[in-house]
Each structure stands twice: as C-alpha cells, then as structure tokens.
Amino acid sequence: MLLRYFRVDRRDIGYFRFTLEAYEGLATLSTLDARNGIVVLSIPECFAEDVAALLAALAHEISLTEIPFSEDLALPLPLKQETHNDA
C-alpha cells in the first residue's frame, strides 16, 4: 500500500473524496487536517499508475499539491480497518 500526502483547498476535500470513491477500490482518501486541507491517499500498488493519471487530470480542476510525509502528520485513525467479532 502506497501513501501519498497532499494539500488541497479545504473546500475541495469533498469533491476530491467523491471523485476517488467513484473509482471504487482505486484509492482511499483520509483527511488529516481539514482546516489546512491536508489529506492522505492510501493506494494499492497495482493502481499507482491509474491514480497518478487521475491526479494529473484533477490538478487541472482543483488546487492539489503533493507534500512530503513528516512526523507532524499524525493519522487520526488507523488506515487499516480493524474488525471485531463479539459473537
């Protein structure tokens, strides 16, 4: 799984998320800091090229700046979904 971090205009976070969701399974967007528009994409390695092409197209529609990972980017939730069986 690849992680790519971006800064987007916070008004565009919803559009960015829904666009990715339209391509079911392509990537998952998690918002790290809504106020500053910091998001992370979780991308299966087999879709890296497809996501790159989609990001290039989206960059013509929204402000989209890739940023490097830093320790200051704390994830609010684990990216790997946990399941619990209480049965």
PDB file of N, CA and C in Angstrom:
ATOM      1  N   MET A   1       0.853  -1.178   0.000  1.00  0.00           N
ATOM      2  CA  MET A   1       0.000   0.000   0.000  1.00  0.00           C
ATOM      3  C   MET A   1       0.894   1.235   0.000  1.00  0.00           C
ATOM      4  N   LEU A   2       0.621   2.138  -0.914  1.00  0.00           N
ATOM      5  CA  LEU A   2       1.359   3.393  -1.004  1.00  0.00           C
ATOM      6  C   LEU A   2       0.574   4.489  -0.304  1.00  0.00           C
ATOM      7  N   LEU A   3       1.276   5.392   0.351  1.00  0.00           N
ATOM      8  CA  LEU A   3       0.648   6.558   0.967  1.00  0.00           C
ATOM      9  C   LEU A   3       1.217   7.803   0.306  1.00  0.00           C
ATOM     10  N   ARG A   4       0.328   8.674  -0.154  1.00  0.00           N
ATOM     11  CA  ARG A   4       0.725   9.951  -0.744  1.00  0.00           C
ATOM     12  C   ARG A   4      -0.043  11.052  -0.040  1.00  0.00           C
ATOM     13  N   TYR A   5       0.662  12.097   0.350  1.00  0.00           N
ATOM     14  CA  TYR A   5       0.099  13.193   1.128  1.00  0.00           C
ATOM     15  C   TYR A   5      -0.058  14.423   0.247  1.00  0.00           C
ATOM     16  N   PHE A   6      -1.192  15.127   0.437  1.00  0.00           N
ATOM     17  CA  PHE A   6      -1.499  16.301  -0.388  1.00  0.00           C
ATOM     18  C   PHE A   6      -2.075  17.426   0.451  1.00  0.00           C
ATOM     19  N   ARG A   7      -1.864  18.636  -0.049  1.00  0.00           N
ATOM     20  CA  ARG A   7      -2.552  19.816   0.469  1.00  0.00           C
ATOM     21  C   ARG A   7      -3.513  20.242  -0.617  1.00  0.00           C
ATOM     22  N   VAL A   8      -4.787  20.382  -0.250  1.00  0.00           N
ATOM     23  CA  VAL A   8      -5.824  20.838  -1.185  1.00  0.00           C
ATOM     24  C   VAL A   8      -6.591  21.970  -0.519  1.00  0.00           C
ATOM     25  N   ASP A   9      -7.258  22.758  -1.317  1.00  0.00           N
ATOM     26  CA  ASP A   9      -8.139  23.763  -0.746  1.00  0.00           C
ATOM     27  C   ASP A   9      -9.207  23.015   0.048  1.00  0.00           C
ATOM     28  N   ARG A  10      -9.440  23.408   1.262  1.00  0.00           N
ATOM     29  CA  ARG A  10     -10.368  22.645   2.112  1.00  0.00           C
ATOM     30  C   ARG A  10     -11.774  22.567   1.524  1.00  0.00           C
ATOM     31  N   ARG A  11     -12.146  23.517   0.682  1.00  0.00           N
ATOM     32  CA  ARG A  11     -13.455  23.454   0.024  1.00  0.00           C
ATOM     33  C   ARG A  11     -13.517  22.330  -1.008  1.00  0.00           C
ATOM     34  N   ASP A  12     -12.341  21.836  -1.430  1.00  0.00           N
ATOM     35  CA  ASP A  12     -12.288  20.793  -2.458  1.00  0.00           C
ATOM     36  C   ASP A  12     -12.135  19.384  -1.892  1.00  0.00           C
ATOM     37  N   ILE A  13     -12.026  19.238  -0.575  1.00  0.00           N
ATOM     38  CA  ILE A  13     -11.819  17.914   0.012  1.00  0.00           C
ATOM     39  C   ILE A  13     -12.972  16.977  -0.337  1.00  0.00           C
ATOM     40  N   GLY A  14     -14.194  17.431  -0.216  1.00  0.00           N
ATOM     41  CA  GLY A  14     -15.355  16.594  -0.532  1.00  0.00           C
ATOM     42  C   GLY A  14     -15.364  16.178  -1.994  1.00  0.00           C
ATOM     43  N   TYR A  15     -15.110  17.115  -2.884  1.00  0.00           N
ATOM     44  CA  TYR A  15     -15.054  16.796  -4.317  1.00  0.00           C
ATOM     45  C   TYR A  15     -13.968  15.763  -4.597  1.00  0.00           C
ATOM     46  N   PHE A  16     -12.792  15.956  -3.996  1.00  0.00           N
ATOM     47  CA  PHE A  16     -11.675  15.037  -4.167  1.00  0.00           C
ATOM     48  C   PHE A  16     -12.062  13.640  -3.670  1.00  0.00           C
ATOM     49  N   ARG A  17     -12.664  13.573  -2.490  1.00  0.00           N
ATOM     50  CA  ARG A  17     -13.072  12.289  -1.905  1.00  0.00           C
ATOM     51  C   ARG A  17     -14.107  11.583  -2.796  1.00  0.00           C
ATOM     52  N   PHE A  18     -15.143  12.306  -3.206  1.00  0.00           N
ATOM     53  CA  PHE A  18     -16.206  11.685  -4.005  1.00  0.00           C
ATOM     54  C   PHE A  18     -15.718  11.269  -5.387  1.00  0.00           C
ATOM     55  N   THR A  19     -14.784  12.024  -5.950  1.00  0.00           N
ATOM     56  CA  THR A  19     -14.213  11.630  -7.234  1.00  0.00           C
ATOM     57  C   THR A  19     -13.465  10.308  -7.094  1.00  0.00           C
ATOM     58  N   LEU A  20     -12.661  10.181  -6.039  1.00  0.00           N
ATOM     59  CA  LEU A  20     -11.945   8.919  -5.809  1.00  0.00           C
ATOM     60  C   LEU A  20     -12.907   7.769  -5.531  1.00  0.00           C
ATOM     61  N   GLU A  21     -13.963   8.034  -4.783  1.00  0.00           N
ATOM     62  CA  GLU A  21     -14.926   6.979  -4.465  1.00  0.00           C
ATOM     63  C   GLU A  21     -15.659   6.489  -5.710  1.00  0.00           C
ATOM     64  N   ALA A  22     -15.776   7.343  -6.719  1.00  0.00           N
ATOM     65  CA  ALA A  22     -16.430   6.933  -7.961  1.00  0.00           C
ATOM     66  C   ALA A  22     -15.638   5.837  -8.673  1.00  0.00           C
ATOM     67  N   TYR A  23     -14.335   5.805  -8.418  1.00  0.00           N
ATOM     68  CA  TYR A  23     -13.465   4.758  -8.956  1.00  0.00           C
ATOM     69  C   TYR A  23     -13.248   3.730  -7.847  1.00  0.00           C
ATOM     70  N   GLU A  24     -14.263   2.976  -7.562  1.00  0.00           N
ATOM     71  CA  GLU A  24     -14.282   2.061  -6.424  1.00  0.00           C
ATOM     72  C   GLU A  24     -13.021   1.199  -6.334  1.00  0.00           C
ATOM     73  N   GLY A  25     -12.362   1.272  -5.181  1.00  0.00           N
ATOM     74  CA  GLY A  25     -11.179   0.462  -4.922  1.00  0.00           C
ATOM     75  C   GLY A  25      -9.873   1.050  -5.420  1.00  0.00           C
ATOM     76  N   LEU A  26      -9.939   2.178  -6.130  1.00  0.00           N
ATOM     77  CA  LEU A  26      -8.731   2.777  -6.690  1.00  0.00           C
ATOM     78  C   LEU A  26      -7.831   3.357  -5.609  1.00  0.00           C
ATOM     79  N   ALA A  27      -8.422   4.092  -4.675  1.00  0.00           N
ATOM     80  CA  ALA A  27      -7.659   4.708  -3.585  1.00  0.00           C
ATOM     81  C   ALA A  27      -8.648   5.147  -2.509  1.00  0.00           C
ATOM     82  N   THR A  28      -8.118   5.336  -1.311  1.00  0.00           N
ATOM     83  CA  THR A  28      -8.925   5.829  -0.200  1.00  0.00           C
ATOM     84  C   THR A  28      -8.321   7.134   0.288  1.00  0.00           C
ATOM     85  N   LEU A  29      -9.165   8.126   0.494  1.00  0.00           N
ATOM     86  CA  LEU A  29      -8.714   9.421   0.987  1.00  0.00           C
ATOM     87  C   LEU A  29      -9.073   9.549   2.454  1.00  0.00           C
ATOM     88  N   SER A  30      -8.107   9.945   3.268  1.00  0.00           N
ATOM     89  CA  SER A  30      -8.349  10.243   4.681  1.00  0.00           C
ATOM     90  C   SER A  30      -7.922  11.679   4.932  1.00  0.00           C
ATOM     91  N   THR A  31      -8.759  12.424   5.626  1.00  0.00           N
ATOM     92  CA  THR A  31      -8.440  13.809   5.952  1.00  0.00           C
ATOM     93  C   THR A  31      -7.639  13.827   7.245  1.00  0.00           C
ATOM     94  N   LEU A  32      -6.453  14.410   7.189  1.00  0.00           N
ATOM     95  CA  LEU A  32      -5.605  14.515   8.372  1.00  0.00           C
ATOM     96  C   LEU A  32      -5.807  15.836   9.096  1.00  0.00           C
ATOM     97  N   ASP A  33      -6.015  16.907   8.330  1.00  0.00           N
ATOM     98  CA  ASP A  33      -6.183  18.238   8.903  1.00  0.00           C
ATOM     99  C   ASP A  33      -7.112  19.026   7.979  1.00  0.00           C
ATOM    100  N   ALA A  34      -8.389  19.031   8.305  1.00  0.00           N
ATOM    101  CA  ALA A  34      -9.385  19.686   7.447  1.00  0.00           C
ATOM    102  C   ALA A  34      -9.137  21.190   7.347  1.00  0.00           C
ATOM    103  N   ARG A  35      -8.741  21.802   8.427  1.00  0.00           N
ATOM    104  CA  ARG A  35      -8.523  23.256   8.430  1.00  0.00           C
ATOM    105  C   ARG A  35      -7.465  23.652   7.411  1.00  0.00           C
ATOM    106  N   ASN A  36      -6.396  22.856   7.318  1.00  0.00           N
ATOM    107  CA  ASN A  36      -5.300  23.165   6.401  1.00  0.00           C
ATOM    108  C   ASN A  36      -5.347  22.362   5.107  1.00  0.00           C
ATOM    109  N   GLY A  37      -6.386  21.545   4.931  1.00  0.00           N
ATOM    110  CA  GLY A  37      -6.554  20.796   3.694  1.00  0.00           C
ATOM    111  C   GLY A  37      -5.524  19.703   3.481  1.00  0.00           C
ATOM    112  N   ILE A  38      -5.077  19.068   4.561  1.00  0.00           N
ATOM    113  CA  ILE A  38      -4.082  18.006   4.450  1.00  0.00           C
ATOM    114  C   ILE A  38      -4.794  16.658   4.409  1.00  0.00           C
ATOM    115  N   VAL A  39      -4.544  15.906   3.341  1.00  0.00           N
ATOM    116  CA  VAL A  39      -5.167  14.594   3.159  1.00  0.00           C
ATOM    117  C   VAL A  39      -4.093  13.578   2.800  1.00  0.00           C
ATOM    118  N   VAL A  40      -4.423  12.308   2.994  1.00  0.00           N
ATOM    119  CA  VAL A  40      -3.525  11.230   2.592  1.00  0.00           C
ATOM    120  C   VAL A  40      -4.314  10.257   1.728  1.00  0.00           C
ATOM    121  N   LEU A  41      -3.683   9.810   0.658  1.00  0.00           N
ATOM    122  CA  LEU A  41      -4.271   8.781  -0.190  1.00  0.00           C
ATOM    123  C   LEU A  41      -3.592   7.465   0.128  1.00  0.00           C
ATOM    124  N   SER A  42      -4.400   6.452   0.328  1.00  0.00           N
ATOM    125  CA  SER A  42      -3.927   5.094   0.512  1.00  0.00           C
ATOM    126  C   SER A  42      -4.205   4.373  -0.806  1.00  0.00           C
ATOM    127  N   ILE A  43      -3.136   3.940  -1.477  1.00  0.00           N
ATOM    128  CA  ILE A  43      -3.247   3.453  -2.852  1.00  0.00           C
ATOM    129  C   ILE A  43      -2.673   2.041  -2.965  1.00  0.00           C
ATOM    130  N   PRO A  44      -3.474   1.088  -3.418  1.00  0.00           N
ATOM    131  CA  PRO A  44      -2.898  -0.226  -3.704  1.00  0.00           C
ATOM    132  C   PRO A  44      -1.820  -0.080  -4.788  1.00  0.00           C
ATOM    133  N   GLU A  45      -0.697  -0.743  -4.602  1.00  0.00           N
ATOM    134  CA  GLU A  45       0.425  -0.594  -5.538  1.00  0.00           C
ATOM    135  C   GLU A  45       0.039  -0.889  -6.982  1.00  0.00           C
ATOM    136  N   CYS A  46      -0.892  -1.814  -7.189  1.00  0.00           N
ATOM    137  CA  CYS A  46      -1.294  -2.166  -8.558  1.00  0.00           C
ATOM    138  C   CYS A  46      -2.038  -1.032  -9.260  1.00  0.00           C
ATOM    139  N   PHE A  47      -2.513  -0.026  -8.513  1.00  0.00           N
ATOM    140  CA  PHE A  47      -3.242   1.097  -9.102  1.00  0.00           C
ATOM    141  C   PHE A  47      -2.434   2.396  -9.104  1.00  0.00           C
ATOM    142  N   ALA A  48      -1.151   2.333  -8.787  1.00  0.00           N
ATOM    143  CA  ALA A  48      -0.336   3.546  -8.669  1.00  0.00           C
ATOM    144  C   ALA A  48      -0.354   4.382  -9.948  1.00  0.00           C
ATOM    145  N   GLU A  49      -0.229   3.743 -11.103  1.00  0.00           N
ATOM    146  CA  GLU A  49      -0.227   4.483 -12.368  1.00  0.00           C
ATOM    147  C   GLU A  49      -1.587   5.085 -12.670  1.00  0.00           C
ATOM    148  N   ASP A  50      -2.654   4.349 -12.381  1.00  0.00           N
ATOM    149  CA  ASP A  50      -4.009   4.858 -12.611  1.00  0.00           C
ATOM    150  C   ASP A  50      -4.286   6.071 -11.729  1.00  0.00           C
ATOM    151  N   VAL A  51      -3.863   5.999 -10.473  1.00  0.00           N
ATOM    152  CA  VAL A  51      -4.064   7.121  -9.556  1.00  0.00           C
ATOM    153  C   VAL A  51      -3.250   8.327 -10.022  1.00  0.00           C
ATOM    154  N   ALA A  52      -2.028   8.103 -10.468  1.00  0.00           N
ATOM    155  CA  ALA A  52      -1.200   9.203 -10.971  1.00  0.00           C
ATOM    156  C   ALA A  52      -1.883   9.913 -12.135  1.00  0.00           C
ATOM    157  N   ALA A  53      -2.485   9.157 -13.042  1.00  0.00           N
ATOM    158  CA  ALA A  53      -3.190   9.750 -14.181  1.00  0.00           C
ATOM    159  C   ALA A  53      -4.412  10.542 -13.712  1.00  0.00           C
ATOM    160  N   LEU A  54      -5.149   9.986 -12.758  1.00  0.00           N
ATOM    161  CA  LEU A  54      -6.320  10.695 -12.224  1.00  0.00           C
ATOM    162  C   LEU A  54      -5.896  11.973 -11.520  1.00  0.00           C
ATOM    163  N   LEU A  55      -4.821  11.925 -10.741  1.00  0.00           N
ATOM    164  CA  LEU A  55      -4.340  13.114 -10.038  1.00  0.00           C
ATOM    165  C   LEU A  55      -3.904  14.196 -11.023  1.00  0.00           C
ATOM    166  N   ALA A  56      -3.274  13.796 -12.107  1.00  0.00           N
ATOM    167  CA  ALA A  56      -2.862  14.771 -13.125  1.00  0.00           C
ATOM    168  C   ALA A  56      -4.079  15.469 -13.719  1.00  0.00           C
ATOM    169  N   ALA A  57      -5.140  14.707 -13.970  1.00  0.00           N
ATOM    170  CA  ALA A  57      -6.370  15.310 -14.501  1.00  0.00           C
ATOM    171  C   ALA A  57      -7.031  16.216 -13.461  1.00  0.00           C
ATOM    172  N   LEU A  58      -7.083  15.761 -12.218  1.00  0.00           N
ATOM    173  CA  LEU A  58      -7.705  16.562 -11.155  1.00  0.00           C
ATOM    174  C   LEU A  58      -6.947  17.860 -10.897  1.00  0.00           C
ATOM    175  N   ALA A  59      -5.649  17.853 -11.111  1.00  0.00           N
ATOM    176  CA  ALA A  59      -4.843  19.049 -10.878  1.00  0.00           C
ATOM    177  C   ALA A  59      -5.259  20.209 -11.779  1.00  0.00           C
ATOM    178  N   HIS A  60      -5.978  19.912 -12.873  1.00  0.00           N
ATOM    179  CA  HIS A  60      -6.498  20.960 -13.752  1.00  0.00           C
ATOM    180  C   HIS A  60      -7.809  21.531 -13.213  1.00  0.00           C
ATOM    181  N   GLU A  61      -8.408  20.839 -12.239  1.00  0.00           N
ATOM    182  CA  GLU A  61      -9.706  21.260 -11.692  1.00  0.00           C
ATOM    183  C   GLU A  61      -9.615  21.839 -10.286  1.00  0.00           C
ATOM    184  N   ILE A  62      -8.710  21.312  -9.479  1.00  0.00           N
ATOM    185  CA  ILE A  62      -8.598  21.754  -8.087  1.00  0.00           C
ATOM    186  C   ILE A  62      -7.135  22.018  -7.752  1.00  0.00           C
ATOM    187  N   SER A  63      -6.929  22.795  -6.706  1.00  0.00           N
ATOM    188  CA  SER A  63      -5.574  23.023  -6.206  1.00  0.00           C
ATOM    189  C   SER A  63      -5.118  21.752  -5.503  1.00  0.00           C
ATOM    190  N   LEU A  64      -4.041  21.157  -5.969  1.00  0.00           N
ATOM    191  CA  LEU A  64      -3.596  19.855  -5.485  1.00  0.00           C
ATOM    192  C   LEU A  64      -2.070  19.872  -5.442  1.00  0.00           C
ATOM    193  N   THR A  65      -1.508  19.879  -4.226  1.00  0.00           N
ATOM    194  CA  THR A  65      -0.063  19.933  -4.064  1.00  0.00           C
ATOM    195  C   THR A  65       0.393  18.751  -3.233  1.00  0.00           C
ATOM    196  N   GLU A  66       1.242  17.910  -3.812  1.00  0.00           N
ATOM    197  CA  GLU A  66       1.776  16.789  -3.036  1.00  0.00           C
ATOM    198  C   GLU A  66       2.793  17.328  -2.039  1.00  0.00           C
ATOM    199  N   ILE A  67       2.726  16.819  -0.820  1.00  0.00           N
ATOM    200  CA  ILE A  67       3.640  17.248   0.229  1.00  0.00           C
ATOM    201  C   ILE A  67       4.364  16.023   0.780  1.00  0.00           C
ATOM    202  N   PRO A  68       5.571  16.217   1.287  1.00  0.00           N
ATOM    203  CA  PRO A  68       6.311  15.077   1.842  1.00  0.00           C
ATOM    204  C   PRO A  68       5.735  14.667   3.198  1.00  0.00           C
ATOM    205  N   PHE A  69       5.896  13.403   3.521  1.00  0.00           N
ATOM    206  CA  PHE A  69       5.491  12.921   4.835  1.00  0.00           C
ATOM    207  C   PHE A  69       6.402  13.541   5.876  1.00  0.00           C
ATOM    208  N   SER A  70       5.816  13.884   7.014  1.00  0.00           N
ATOM    209  CA  SER A  70       6.604  14.321   8.161  1.00  0.00           C
ATOM    210  C   SER A  70       5.961  13.751   9.408  1.00  0.00           C
ATOM    211  N   GLU A  71       6.696  13.704  10.467  1.00  0.00           N
ATOM    212  CA  GLU A  71       6.177  13.174  11.735  1.00  0.00           C
ATOM    213  C   GLU A  71       5.034  14.033  12.265  1.00  0.00           C
ATOM    214  N   ASP A  72       4.939  15.274  11.797  1.00  0.00           N
ATOM    215  CA  ASP A  72       3.856  16.166  12.234  1.00  0.00           C
ATOM    216  C   ASP A  72       2.504  15.749  11.668  1.00  0.00           C
ATOM    217  N   LEU A  73       2.521  14.911  10.636  1.00  0.00           N
ATOM    218  CA  LEU A  73       1.275  14.445  10.029  1.00  0.00           C
ATOM    219  C   LEU A  73       0.795  13.216  10.778  1.00  0.00           C
ATOM    220  N   ALA A  74       0.113  13.443  11.872  1.00  0.00           N
ATOM    221  CA  ALA A  74      -0.384  12.329  12.692  1.00  0.00           C
ATOM    222  C   ALA A  74      -1.709  11.841  12.132  1.00  0.00           C
ATOM    223  N   LEU A  75      -1.825  10.548  11.930  1.00  0.00           N
ATOM    224  CA  LEU A  75      -3.061   9.982  11.407  1.00  0.00           C
ATOM    225  C   LEU A  75      -4.116   9.914  12.506  1.00  0.00           C
ATOM    226  N   PRO A  76      -5.320  10.407  12.249  1.00  0.00           N
ATOM    227  CA  PRO A  76      -6.363  10.392  13.273  1.00  0.00           C
ATOM    228  C   PRO A  76      -6.906   8.995  13.537  1.00  0.00           C
ATOM    229  N   LEU A  77      -6.878   8.130  12.545  1.00  0.00           N
ATOM    230  CA  LEU A  77      -7.395   6.768  12.657  1.00  0.00           C
ATOM    231  C   LEU A  77      -6.432   5.830  11.954  1.00  0.00           C
ATOM    232  N   PRO A  78      -6.387   4.576  12.359  1.00  0.00           N
ATOM    233  CA  PRO A  78      -5.547   3.638  11.603  1.00  0.00           C
ATOM    234  C   PRO A  78      -6.077   3.489  10.183  1.00  0.00           C
ATOM    235  N   LEU A  79      -5.170   3.404   9.223  1.00  0.00           N
ATOM    236  CA  LEU A  79      -5.595   3.231   7.848  1.00  0.00           C
ATOM    237  C   LEU A  79      -6.080   1.816   7.584  1.00  0.00           C
ATOM    238  N   LYS A  80      -5.622   0.871   8.380  1.00  0.00           N
ATOM    239  CA  LYS A  80      -6.074  -0.498   8.231  1.00  0.00           C
ATOM    240  C   LYS A  80      -7.273  -0.707   9.140  1.00  0.00           C
ATOM    241  N   GLN A  81      -8.396  -1.041   8.529  1.00  0.00           N
ATOM    242  CA  GLN A  81      -9.631  -1.209   9.288  1.00  0.00           C
ATOM    243  C   GLN A  81      -9.559  -2.463  10.147  1.00  0.00           C
ATOM    244  N   GLU A  82      -9.898  -2.311  11.412  1.00  0.00           N
ATOM    245  CA  GLU A  82      -9.924  -3.447  12.318  1.00  0.00           C
ATOM    246  C   GLU A  82     -11.332  -4.026  12.370  1.00  0.00           C
ATOM    247  N   THR A  83     -11.410  -5.322  12.516  1.00  0.00           N
ATOM    248  CA  THR A  83     -12.703  -5.970  12.669  1.00  0.00           C
ATOM    249  C   THR A  83     -12.721  -6.680  13.998  1.00  0.00           C
ATOM    250  N   HIS A  84     -13.887  -6.725  14.601  1.00  0.00           N
ATOM    251  CA  HIS A  84     -14.055  -7.360  15.910  1.00  0.00           C
ATOM    252  C   HIS A  84     -15.227  -8.324  15.834  1.00  0.00           C
ATOM    253  N   ASN A  85     -15.020  -9.523  16.306  1.00  0.00           N
ATOM    254  CA  ASN A  85     -16.104 -10.496  16.391  1.00  0.00           C
ATOM    255  C   ASN A  85     -16.454 -10.675  17.859  1.00  0.00           C
ATOM    256  N   ASP A  86     -17.622 -10.211  18.221  1.00  0.00           N
ATOM    257  CA  ASP A  86     -18.081 -10.335  19.599  1.00  0.00           C
ATOM    258  C   ASP A  86     -19.045 -11.489  19.756  1.00  0.00           C
ATOM    259  N   ALA A  87     -19.129 -12.348  18.761  1.00  0.00           N
ATOM    260  CA  ALA A  87     -20.083 -13.465  18.798  1.00  0.00           C
ATOM    261  C   ALA A  87     -19.603 -14.574  19.697  1.00  0.00           C
TER     262      ALA A  87
END
